[in-house]
């Protein structure tokens, strides 16, 4: 059975410097990207979902899309509408 899998970007498939947050300096976590790519290859729908810009209002879509492609990430969609939060508690949250 295939699934729709939402994947966070920063500190999940890449490391991004903080103080101040600098998305231009993000570096990929290749092992994590490879794991997500395998899920893609098995027919799952991969949606990268980021909160980049959720507090500032800046549109980081193009940079994020370009970075994911450069890092070899396979995905069906990129969404930049994830809300900012400190804790996400959900019955369907799983660690891959």
PDB file of N, CA and C in Angstrom:
ATOM      1  N   UNK A   1       0.836  -1.179   0.000  1.00  0.00           N
ATOM      2  CA  UNK A   1       0.000   0.000   0.000  1.00  0.00           C
ATOM      3  C   UNK A   1       0.888   1.252   0.000  1.00  0.00           C
ATOM      4  N   UNK A   2       0.662   2.127  -0.950  1.00  0.00           N
ATOM      5  CA  UNK A   2       1.439   3.363  -0.985  1.00  0.00           C
ATOM      6  C   UNK A   2       0.804   4.404  -0.072  1.00  0.00           C
ATOM      7  N   UNK A   3       1.625   5.360   0.332  1.00  0.00           N
ATOM      8  CA  UNK A   3       1.191   6.380   1.275  1.00  0.00           C
ATOM      9  C   UNK A   3       1.557   7.768   0.770  1.00  0.00           C
ATOM     10  N   UNK A   4       0.877   8.765   1.316  1.00  0.00           N
ATOM     11  CA  UNK A   4       1.269  10.157   1.131  1.00  0.00           C
ATOM     12  C   UNK A   4       2.127  10.503   2.340  1.00  0.00           C
ATOM     13  N   UNK A   5       3.374  10.903   2.088  1.00  0.00           N
ATOM     14  CA  UNK A   5       4.322  11.163   3.169  1.00  0.00           C
ATOM     15  C   UNK A   5       4.770  12.616   3.117  1.00  0.00           C
ATOM     16  N   UNK A   6       4.513  13.351   4.195  1.00  0.00           N
ATOM     17  CA  UNK A   6       4.973  14.725   4.321  1.00  0.00           C
ATOM     18  C   UNK A   6       6.322  14.712   5.036  1.00  0.00           C
ATOM     19  N   UNK A   7       7.283  15.458   4.490  1.00  0.00           N
ATOM     20  CA  UNK A   7       8.638  15.467   5.023  1.00  0.00           C
ATOM     21  C   UNK A   7       9.062  16.922   5.273  1.00  0.00           C
ATOM     22  N   UNK A   8       9.521  17.194   6.472  1.00  0.00           N
ATOM     23  CA  UNK A   8      10.062  18.505   6.811  1.00  0.00           C
ATOM     24  C   UNK A   8      11.398  18.701   6.082  1.00  0.00           C
ATOM     25  N   UNK A   9      11.853  19.937   5.977  1.00  0.00           N
ATOM     26  CA  UNK A   9      13.101  20.226   5.277  1.00  0.00           C
ATOM     27  C   UNK A   9      14.239  20.474   6.277  1.00  0.00           C
ATOM     28  N   UNK A  10      14.229  21.621   6.947  1.00  0.00           N
ATOM     29  CA  UNK A  10      15.351  22.013   7.806  1.00  0.00           C
ATOM     30  C   UNK A  10      15.456  21.135   9.047  1.00  0.00           C
ATOM     31  N   UNK A  11      16.671  20.673   9.287  1.00  0.00           N
ATOM     32  CA  UNK A  11      17.016  19.775  10.381  1.00  0.00           C
ATOM     33  C   UNK A  11      16.386  18.396  10.215  1.00  0.00           C
ATOM     34  N   UNK A  12      15.861  18.108   9.020  1.00  0.00           N
ATOM     35  CA  UNK A  12      15.358  16.776   8.694  1.00  0.00           C
ATOM     36  C   UNK A  12      16.129  16.227   7.497  1.00  0.00           C
ATOM     37  N   UNK A  13      16.110  16.936   6.363  1.00  0.00           N
ATOM     38  CA  UNK A  13      16.897  16.505   5.200  1.00  0.00           C
ATOM     39  C   UNK A  13      18.057  17.455   4.914  1.00  0.00           C
ATOM     40  N   UNK A  14      18.195  18.480   5.748  1.00  0.00           N
ATOM     41  CA  UNK A  14      19.352  19.365   5.633  1.00  0.00           C
ATOM     42  C   UNK A  14      19.622  20.017   6.982  1.00  0.00           C
ATOM     43  N   UNK A  15      20.826  20.532   7.124  1.00  0.00           N
ATOM     44  CA  UNK A  15      21.200  21.311   8.300  1.00  0.00           C
ATOM     45  C   UNK A  15      21.266  22.764   7.880  1.00  0.00           C
ATOM     46  N   UNK A  16      20.636  23.629   8.668  1.00  0.00           N
ATOM     47  CA  UNK A  16      20.577  25.047   8.344  1.00  0.00           C
ATOM     48  C   UNK A  16      21.084  25.859   9.531  1.00  0.00           C
ATOM     49  N   UNK A  17      22.098  26.705   9.300  1.00  0.00           N
ATOM     50  CA  UNK A  17      22.624  27.528  10.393  1.00  0.00           C
ATOM     51  C   UNK A  17      21.538  28.420  11.007  1.00  0.00           C
ATOM     52  N   UNK A  18      21.665  28.623  12.296  1.00  0.00           N
ATOM     53  CA  UNK A  18      20.707  29.433  13.042  1.00  0.00           C
ATOM     54  C   UNK A  18      21.415  30.664  13.603  1.00  0.00           C
ATOM     55  N   UNK A  19      20.617  31.646  13.992  1.00  0.00           N
ATOM     56  CA  UNK A  19      21.110  32.883  14.630  1.00  0.00           C
ATOM     57  C   UNK A  19      22.033  33.691  13.738  1.00  0.00           C
ATOM     58  N   UNK A  20      21.602  34.299  12.708  1.00  0.00           N
ATOM     59  CA  UNK A  20      20.248  34.223  12.168  1.00  0.00           C
ATOM     60  C   UNK A  20      20.104  33.007  11.258  1.00  0.00           C
ATOM     61  N   UNK A  21      18.880  32.613  11.011  1.00  0.00           N
ATOM     62  CA  UNK A  21      18.596  31.482  10.128  1.00  0.00           C
ATOM     63  C   UNK A  21      19.066  31.839   8.725  1.00  0.00           C
ATOM     64  N   UNK A  22      19.915  30.989   8.126  1.00  0.00           N
ATOM     65  CA  UNK A  22      20.472  31.289   6.812  1.00  0.00           C
ATOM     66  C   UNK A  22      20.230  30.109   5.869  1.00  0.00           C
ATOM     67  N   UNK A  23      19.117  30.164   5.136  1.00  0.00           N
ATOM     68  CA  UNK A  23      18.740  29.073   4.241  1.00  0.00           C
ATOM     69  C   UNK A  23      19.711  28.905   3.081  1.00  0.00           C
ATOM     70  N   UNK A  24      20.394  29.975   2.719  1.00  0.00           N
ATOM     71  CA  UNK A  24      21.368  29.888   1.628  1.00  0.00           C
ATOM     72  C   UNK A  24      22.546  28.981   1.988  1.00  0.00           C
ATOM     73  N   UNK A  25      22.775  28.790   3.275  1.00  0.00           N
ATOM     74  CA  UNK A  25      23.904  27.992   3.747  1.00  0.00           C
ATOM     75  C   UNK A  25      23.501  26.572   4.148  1.00  0.00           C
ATOM     76  N   UNK A  26      22.288  26.155   3.836  1.00  0.00           N
ATOM     77  CA  UNK A  26      21.824  24.810   4.182  1.00  0.00           C
ATOM     78  C   UNK A  26      22.678  23.756   3.485  1.00  0.00           C
ATOM     79  N   UNK A  27      22.964  22.677   4.212  1.00  0.00           N
ATOM     80  CA  UNK A  27      23.730  21.567   3.647  1.00  0.00           C
ATOM     81  C   UNK A  27      22.905  20.280   3.773  1.00  0.00           C
ATOM     82  N   UNK A  28      22.911  19.453   2.745  1.00  0.00           N
ATOM     83  CA  UNK A  28      22.044  18.266   2.732  1.00  0.00           C
ATOM     84  C   UNK A  28      22.496  17.186   3.712  1.00  0.00           C
ATOM     85  N   UNK A  29      21.519  16.457   4.212  1.00  0.00           N
ATOM     86  CA  UNK A  29      21.748  15.226   4.961  1.00  0.00           C
ATOM     87  C   UNK A  29      21.469  14.089   3.967  1.00  0.00           C
ATOM     88  N   UNK A  30      22.525  13.649   3.321  1.00  0.00           N
ATOM     89  CA  UNK A  30      22.399  12.691   2.214  1.00  0.00           C
ATOM     90  C   UNK A  30      21.712  11.398   2.648  1.00  0.00           C
ATOM     91  N   UNK A  31      22.029  10.885   3.821  1.00  0.00           N
ATOM     92  CA  UNK A  31      21.395   9.642   4.275  1.00  0.00           C
ATOM     93  C   UNK A  31      19.887   9.798   4.407  1.00  0.00           C
ATOM     94  N   UNK A  32      19.447  10.941   4.912  1.00  0.00           N
ATOM     95  CA  UNK A  32      18.012  11.187   5.065  1.00  0.00           C
ATOM     96  C   UNK A  32      17.339  11.314   3.696  1.00  0.00           C
ATOM     97  N   UNK A  33      17.980  12.027   2.787  1.00  0.00           N
ATOM     98  CA  UNK A  33      17.429  12.181   1.436  1.00  0.00           C
ATOM     99  C   UNK A  33      17.342  10.825   0.749  1.00  0.00           C
ATOM    100  N   UNK A  34      18.378   9.997   0.903  1.00  0.00           N
ATOM    101  CA  UNK A  34      18.358   8.661   0.306  1.00  0.00           C
ATOM    102  C   UNK A  34      17.200   7.828   0.855  1.00  0.00           C
ATOM    103  N   UNK A  35      16.933   7.940   2.149  1.00  0.00           N
ATOM    104  CA  UNK A  35      15.832   7.191   2.769  1.00  0.00           C
ATOM    105  C   UNK A  35      14.485   7.632   2.186  1.00  0.00           C
ATOM    106  N   UNK A  36      14.303   8.939   2.021  1.00  0.00           N
ATOM    107  CA  UNK A  36      13.056   9.458   1.448  1.00  0.00           C
ATOM    108  C   UNK A  36      12.955   9.067  -0.020  1.00  0.00           C
ATOM    109  N   UNK A  37      14.070   9.112  -0.747  1.00  0.00           N
ATOM    110  CA  UNK A  37      14.066   8.715  -2.160  1.00  0.00           C
ATOM    111  C   UNK A  37      13.638   7.259  -2.335  1.00  0.00           C
ATOM    112  N   UNK A  38      14.036   6.395  -1.406  1.00  0.00           N
ATOM    113  CA  UNK A  38      13.626   4.988  -1.485  1.00  0.00           C
ATOM    114  C   UNK A  38      12.114   4.858  -1.314  1.00  0.00           C
ATOM    115  N   UNK A  39      11.544   5.673  -0.436  1.00  0.00           N
ATOM    116  CA  UNK A  39      10.087   5.666  -0.261  1.00  0.00           C
ATOM    117  C   UNK A  39       9.397   6.149  -1.541  1.00  0.00           C
ATOM    118  N   UNK A  40       9.975   7.162  -2.190  1.00  0.00           N
ATOM    119  CA  UNK A  40       9.479   7.654  -3.482  1.00  0.00           C
ATOM    120  C   UNK A  40       9.520   6.526  -4.521  1.00  0.00           C
ATOM    121  N   UNK A  41      10.675   5.845  -4.588  1.00  0.00           N
ATOM    122  CA  UNK A  41      10.860   4.779  -5.577  1.00  0.00           C
ATOM    123  C   UNK A  41       9.880   3.623  -5.380  1.00  0.00           C
ATOM    124  N   UNK A  42       9.379   3.449  -4.157  1.00  0.00           N
ATOM    125  CA  UNK A  42       8.409   2.387  -3.869  1.00  0.00           C
ATOM    126  C   UNK A  42       6.977   2.811  -4.222  1.00  0.00           C
ATOM    127  N   UNK A  43       6.829   4.023  -4.776  1.00  0.00           N
ATOM    128  CA  UNK A  43       5.516   4.475  -5.228  1.00  0.00           C
ATOM    129  C   UNK A  43       4.776   5.383  -4.272  1.00  0.00           C
ATOM    130  N   UNK A  44       5.403   5.741  -3.155  1.00  0.00           N
ATOM    131  CA  UNK A  44       4.773   6.662  -2.217  1.00  0.00           C
ATOM    132  C   UNK A  44       4.796   8.077  -2.772  1.00  0.00           C
ATOM    133  N   UNK A  45       3.840   8.886  -2.360  1.00  0.00           N
ATOM    134  CA  UNK A  45       3.792  10.289  -2.751  1.00  0.00           C
ATOM    135  C   UNK A  45       4.556  11.089  -1.702  1.00  0.00           C
ATOM    136  N   UNK A  46       5.589  11.794  -2.141  1.00  0.00           N
ATOM    137  CA  UNK A  46       6.442  12.562  -1.235  1.00  0.00           C
ATOM    138  C   UNK A  46       6.129  14.044  -1.383  1.00  0.00           C
ATOM    139  N   UNK A  47       5.793  14.667  -0.264  1.00  0.00           N
ATOM    140  CA  UNK A  47       5.518  16.103  -0.215  1.00  0.00           C
ATOM    141  C   UNK A  47       6.471  16.724   0.805  1.00  0.00           C
ATOM    142  N   UNK A  48       7.384  17.548   0.322  1.00  0.00           N
ATOM    143  CA  UNK A  48       8.218  18.306   1.254  1.00  0.00           C
ATOM    144  C   UNK A  48       7.399  19.490   1.735  1.00  0.00           C
ATOM    145  N   UNK A  49       7.393  19.670   3.052  1.00  0.00           N
ATOM    146  CA  UNK A  49       6.540  20.680   3.689  1.00  0.00           C
ATOM    147  C   UNK A  49       7.402  21.471   4.655  1.00  0.00           C
ATOM    148  N   UNK A  50       7.584  22.756   4.383  1.00  0.00           N
ATOM    149  CA  UNK A  50       8.480  23.574   5.183  1.00  0.00           C
ATOM    150  C   UNK A  50       7.784  24.807   5.761  1.00  0.00           C
ATOM    151  N   UNK A  51       8.315  25.244   6.885  1.00  0.00           N
ATOM    152  CA  UNK A  51       7.829  26.470   7.525  1.00  0.00           C
ATOM    153  C   UNK A  51       8.726  27.656   7.163  1.00  0.00           C
ATOM    154  N   UNK A  52       9.611  27.473   6.191  1.00  0.00           N
ATOM    155  CA  UNK A  52      10.469  28.588   5.774  1.00  0.00           C
ATOM    156  C   UNK A  52       9.588  29.773   5.389  1.00  0.00           C
ATOM    157  N   UNK A  53       9.791  30.876   6.047  1.00  0.00           N
ATOM    158  CA  UNK A  53       9.043  32.088   5.750  1.00  0.00           C
ATOM    159  C   UNK A  53       7.729  32.224   6.503  1.00  0.00           C
ATOM    160  N   UNK A  54       7.356  31.236   7.300  1.00  0.00           N
ATOM    161  CA  UNK A  54       6.058  31.313   7.970  1.00  0.00           C
ATOM    162  C   UNK A  54       5.989  32.443   8.986  1.00  0.00           C
ATOM    163  N   UNK A  55       7.123  32.804   9.574  1.00  0.00           N
ATOM    164  CA  UNK A  55       7.131  33.928  10.518  1.00  0.00           C
ATOM    165  C   UNK A  55       7.452  35.246   9.820  1.00  0.00           C
ATOM    166  N   UNK A  56       8.368  35.204   8.846  1.00  0.00           N
ATOM    167  CA  UNK A  56       8.813  36.434   8.186  1.00  0.00           C
ATOM    168  C   UNK A  56       7.913  36.859   7.036  1.00  0.00           C
ATOM    169  N   UNK A  57       7.186  35.903   6.452  1.00  0.00           N
ATOM    170  CA  UNK A  57       6.362  36.199   5.288  1.00  0.00           C
ATOM    171  C   UNK A  57       7.134  36.168   3.979  1.00  0.00           C
ATOM    172  N   UNK A  58       8.444  35.897   4.037  1.00  0.00           N
ATOM    173  CA  UNK A  58       9.261  35.836   2.824  1.00  0.00           C
ATOM    174  C   UNK A  58       8.999  34.517   2.089  1.00  0.00           C
ATOM    175  N   UNK A  59       8.972  34.576   0.774  1.00  0.00           N
ATOM    176  CA  UNK A  59       8.727  33.412  -0.060  1.00  0.00           C
ATOM    177  C   UNK A  59      10.054  32.702  -0.346  1.00  0.00           C
ATOM    178  N   UNK A  60      10.230  31.522   0.236  1.00  0.00           N
ATOM    179  CA  UNK A  60      11.448  30.746   0.056  1.00  0.00           C
ATOM    180  C   UNK A  60      11.247  29.568  -0.891  1.00  0.00           C
ATOM    181  N   UNK A  61      10.140  29.546  -1.627  1.00  0.00           N
ATOM    182  CA  UNK A  61       9.814  28.401  -2.471  1.00  0.00           C
ATOM    183  C   UNK A  61      10.916  28.108  -3.495  1.00  0.00           C
ATOM    184  N   UNK A  62      11.314  29.095  -4.280  1.00  0.00           N
ATOM    185  CA  UNK A  62      12.255  28.854  -5.376  1.00  0.00           C
ATOM    186  C   UNK A  62      13.597  28.354  -4.858  1.00  0.00           C
ATOM    187  N   UNK A  63      14.134  28.981  -3.807  1.00  0.00           N
ATOM    188  CA  UNK A  63      15.412  28.531  -3.250  1.00  0.00           C
ATOM    189  C   UNK A  63      15.286  27.096  -2.741  1.00  0.00           C
ATOM    190  N   UNK A  64      14.227  26.807  -2.020  1.00  0.00           N
ATOM    191  CA  UNK A  64      14.037  25.475  -1.448  1.00  0.00           C
ATOM    192  C   UNK A  64      13.888  24.427  -2.546  1.00  0.00           C
ATOM    193  N   UNK A  65      13.108  24.728  -3.564  1.00  0.00           N
ATOM    194  CA  UNK A  65      12.922  23.807  -4.694  1.00  0.00           C
ATOM    195  C   UNK A  65      14.261  23.535  -5.375  1.00  0.00           C
ATOM    196  N   UNK A  66      15.020  24.579  -5.623  1.00  0.00           N
ATOM    197  CA  UNK A  66      16.330  24.439  -6.266  1.00  0.00           C
ATOM    198  C   UNK A  66      17.265  23.597  -5.402  1.00  0.00           C
ATOM    199  N   UNK A  67      17.284  23.858  -4.091  1.00  0.00           N
ATOM    200  CA  UNK A  67      18.150  23.083  -3.205  1.00  0.00           C
ATOM    201  C   UNK A  67      17.780  21.608  -3.224  1.00  0.00           C
ATOM    202  N   UNK A  68      16.505  21.294  -3.093  1.00  0.00           N
ATOM    203  CA  UNK A  68      16.084  19.891  -3.092  1.00  0.00           C
ATOM    204  C   UNK A  68      16.502  19.196  -4.376  1.00  0.00           C
ATOM    205  N   UNK A  69      16.327  19.856  -5.515  1.00  0.00           N
ATOM    206  CA  UNK A  69      16.730  19.277  -6.801  1.00  0.00           C
ATOM    207  C   UNK A  69      18.249  19.072  -6.854  1.00  0.00           C
ATOM    208  N   UNK A  70      19.023  20.076  -6.396  1.00  0.00           N
ATOM    209  CA  UNK A  70      20.483  19.967  -6.403  1.00  0.00           C
ATOM    210  C   UNK A  70      20.965  18.840  -5.497  1.00  0.00           C
ATOM    211  N   UNK A  71      20.252  18.603  -4.418  1.00  0.00           N
ATOM    212  CA  UNK A  71      20.639  17.557  -3.472  1.00  0.00           C
ATOM    213  C   UNK A  71      20.173  16.176  -3.914  1.00  0.00           C
ATOM    214  N   UNK A  72      19.455  16.092  -5.020  1.00  0.00           N
ATOM    215  CA  UNK A  72      19.000  14.811  -5.533  1.00  0.00           C
ATOM    216  C   UNK A  72      17.734  14.287  -4.885  1.00  0.00           C
ATOM    217  N   UNK A  73      16.991  15.142  -4.217  1.00  0.00           N
ATOM    218  CA  UNK A  73      15.752  14.721  -3.565  1.00  0.00           C
ATOM    219  C   UNK A  73      14.663  14.468  -4.605  1.00  0.00           C
ATOM    220  N   UNK A  74      13.973  13.357  -4.455  1.00  0.00           N
ATOM    221  CA  UNK A  74      12.850  13.025  -5.327  1.00  0.00           C
ATOM    222  C   UNK A  74      11.566  13.380  -4.582  1.00  0.00           C
ATOM    223  N   UNK A  75      10.669  14.070  -5.264  1.00  0.00           N
ATOM    224  CA  UNK A  75       9.425  14.455  -4.603  1.00  0.00           C
ATOM    225  C   UNK A  75       8.372  14.803  -5.636  1.00  0.00           C
ATOM    226  N   UNK A  76       7.134  14.794  -5.195  1.00  0.00           N
ATOM    227  CA  UNK A  76       6.010  15.138  -6.048  1.00  0.00           C
ATOM    228  C   UNK A  76       5.594  16.584  -5.882  1.00  0.00           C
ATOM    229  N   UNK A  77       5.798  17.117  -4.679  1.00  0.00           N
ATOM    230  CA  UNK A  77       5.336  18.475  -4.411  1.00  0.00           C
ATOM    231  C   UNK A  77       6.159  19.094  -3.290  1.00  0.00           C
ATOM    232  N   UNK A  78       6.307  20.414  -3.358  1.00  0.00           N
ATOM    233  CA  UNK A  78       6.906  21.197  -2.282  1.00  0.00           C
ATOM    234  C   UNK A  78       5.861  22.187  -1.806  1.00  0.00           C
ATOM    235  N   UNK A  79       5.618  22.182  -0.513  1.00  0.00           N
ATOM    236  CA  UNK A  79       4.676  23.143   0.073  1.00  0.00           C
ATOM    237  C   UNK A  79       5.430  23.999   1.091  1.00  0.00           C
ATOM    238  N   UNK A  80       5.214  25.300   1.013  1.00  0.00           N
ATOM    239  CA  UNK A  80       5.857  26.245   1.929  1.00  0.00           C
ATOM    240  C   UNK A  80       4.821  26.907   2.835  1.00  0.00           C
ATOM    241  N   UNK A  81       3.809  26.157   3.223  1.00  0.00           N
ATOM    242  CA  UNK A  81       2.739  26.722   4.044  1.00  0.00           C
ATOM    243  C   UNK A  81       2.637  26.064   5.421  1.00  0.00           C
ATOM    244  N   UNK A  82       3.699  25.404   5.826  1.00  0.00           N
ATOM    245  CA  UNK A  82       3.702  24.769   7.139  1.00  0.00           C
ATOM    246  C   UNK A  82       3.711  25.855   8.212  1.00  0.00           C
ATOM    247  N   UNK A  83       2.863  25.741   9.213  1.00  0.00           N
ATOM    248  CA  UNK A  83       2.845  26.772  10.252  1.00  0.00           C
ATOM    249  C   UNK A  83       4.063  26.661  11.162  1.00  0.00           C
ATOM    250  N   UNK A  84       4.420  27.774  11.759  1.00  0.00           N
ATOM    251  CA  UNK A  84       5.490  27.766  12.755  1.00  0.00           C
ATOM    252  C   UNK A  84       4.924  27.213  14.057  1.00  0.00           C
ATOM    253  N   UNK A  85       5.652  26.330  14.711  1.00  0.00           N
ATOM    254  CA  UNK A  85       5.226  25.789  16.005  1.00  0.00           C
ATOM    255  C   UNK A  85       6.450  25.302  16.755  1.00  0.00           C
ATOM    256  N   UNK A  86       6.290  25.097  18.032  1.00  0.00           N
ATOM    257  CA  UNK A  86       7.370  24.555  18.858  1.00  0.00           C
ATOM    258  C   UNK A  86       7.219  23.055  19.073  1.00  0.00           C
ATOM    259  N   UNK A  87       5.997  22.552  19.025  1.00  0.00           N
ATOM    260  CA  UNK A  87       5.757  21.137  19.208  1.00  0.00           C
ATOM    261  C   UNK A  87       4.584  20.723  18.329  1.00  0.00           C
ATOM    262  N   UNK A  88       4.745  19.628  17.607  1.00  0.00           N
ATOM    263  CA  UNK A  88       3.683  19.107  16.753  1.00  0.00           C
ATOM    264  C   UNK A  88       3.271  17.768  17.346  1.00  0.00           C
ATOM    265  N   UNK A  89       2.063  17.679  17.807  1.00  0.00           N
ATOM    266  CA  UNK A  89       1.564  16.468  18.452  1.00  0.00           C
ATOM    267  C   UNK A  89       0.411  15.939  17.628  1.00  0.00           C
ATOM    268  N   UNK A  90       0.567  14.721  17.105  1.00  0.00           N
ATOM    269  CA  UNK A  90      -0.433  14.170  16.208  1.00  0.00           C
ATOM    270  C   UNK A  90      -0.401  12.658  16.299  1.00  0.00           C
ATOM    271  N   UNK A  91      -1.575  12.044  16.207  1.00  0.00           N
ATOM    272  CA  UNK A  91      -1.629  10.586  16.312  1.00  0.00           C
ATOM    273  C   UNK A  91      -0.972   9.862  15.133  1.00  0.00           C
ATOM    274  N   UNK A  92      -0.756  10.563  14.035  1.00  0.00           N
ATOM    275  CA  UNK A  92      -0.207   9.920  12.845  1.00  0.00           C
ATOM    276  C   UNK A  92       1.284  10.198  12.648  1.00  0.00           C
ATOM    277  N   UNK A  93       1.889  10.934  13.551  1.00  0.00           N
ATOM    278  CA  UNK A  93       3.306  11.245  13.440  1.00  0.00           C
ATOM    279  C   UNK A  93       4.138   9.995  13.711  1.00  0.00           C
ATOM    280  N   UNK A  94       5.062   9.697  12.783  1.00  0.00           N
ATOM    281  CA  UNK A  94       5.935   8.537  12.925  1.00  0.00           C
ATOM    282  C   UNK A  94       7.360   8.951  12.588  1.00  0.00           C
ATOM    283  N   UNK A  95       8.302   8.267  13.172  1.00  0.00           N
ATOM    284  CA  UNK A  95       9.697   8.461  12.826  1.00  0.00           C
ATOM    285  C   UNK A  95      10.057   7.364  11.841  1.00  0.00           C
ATOM    286  N   UNK A  96      10.634   7.767  10.711  1.00  0.00           N
ATOM    287  CA  UNK A  96      11.005   6.766   9.681  1.00  0.00           C
ATOM    288  C   UNK A  96      12.282   6.052  10.055  1.00  0.00           C
TER     289      UNK A  96
END
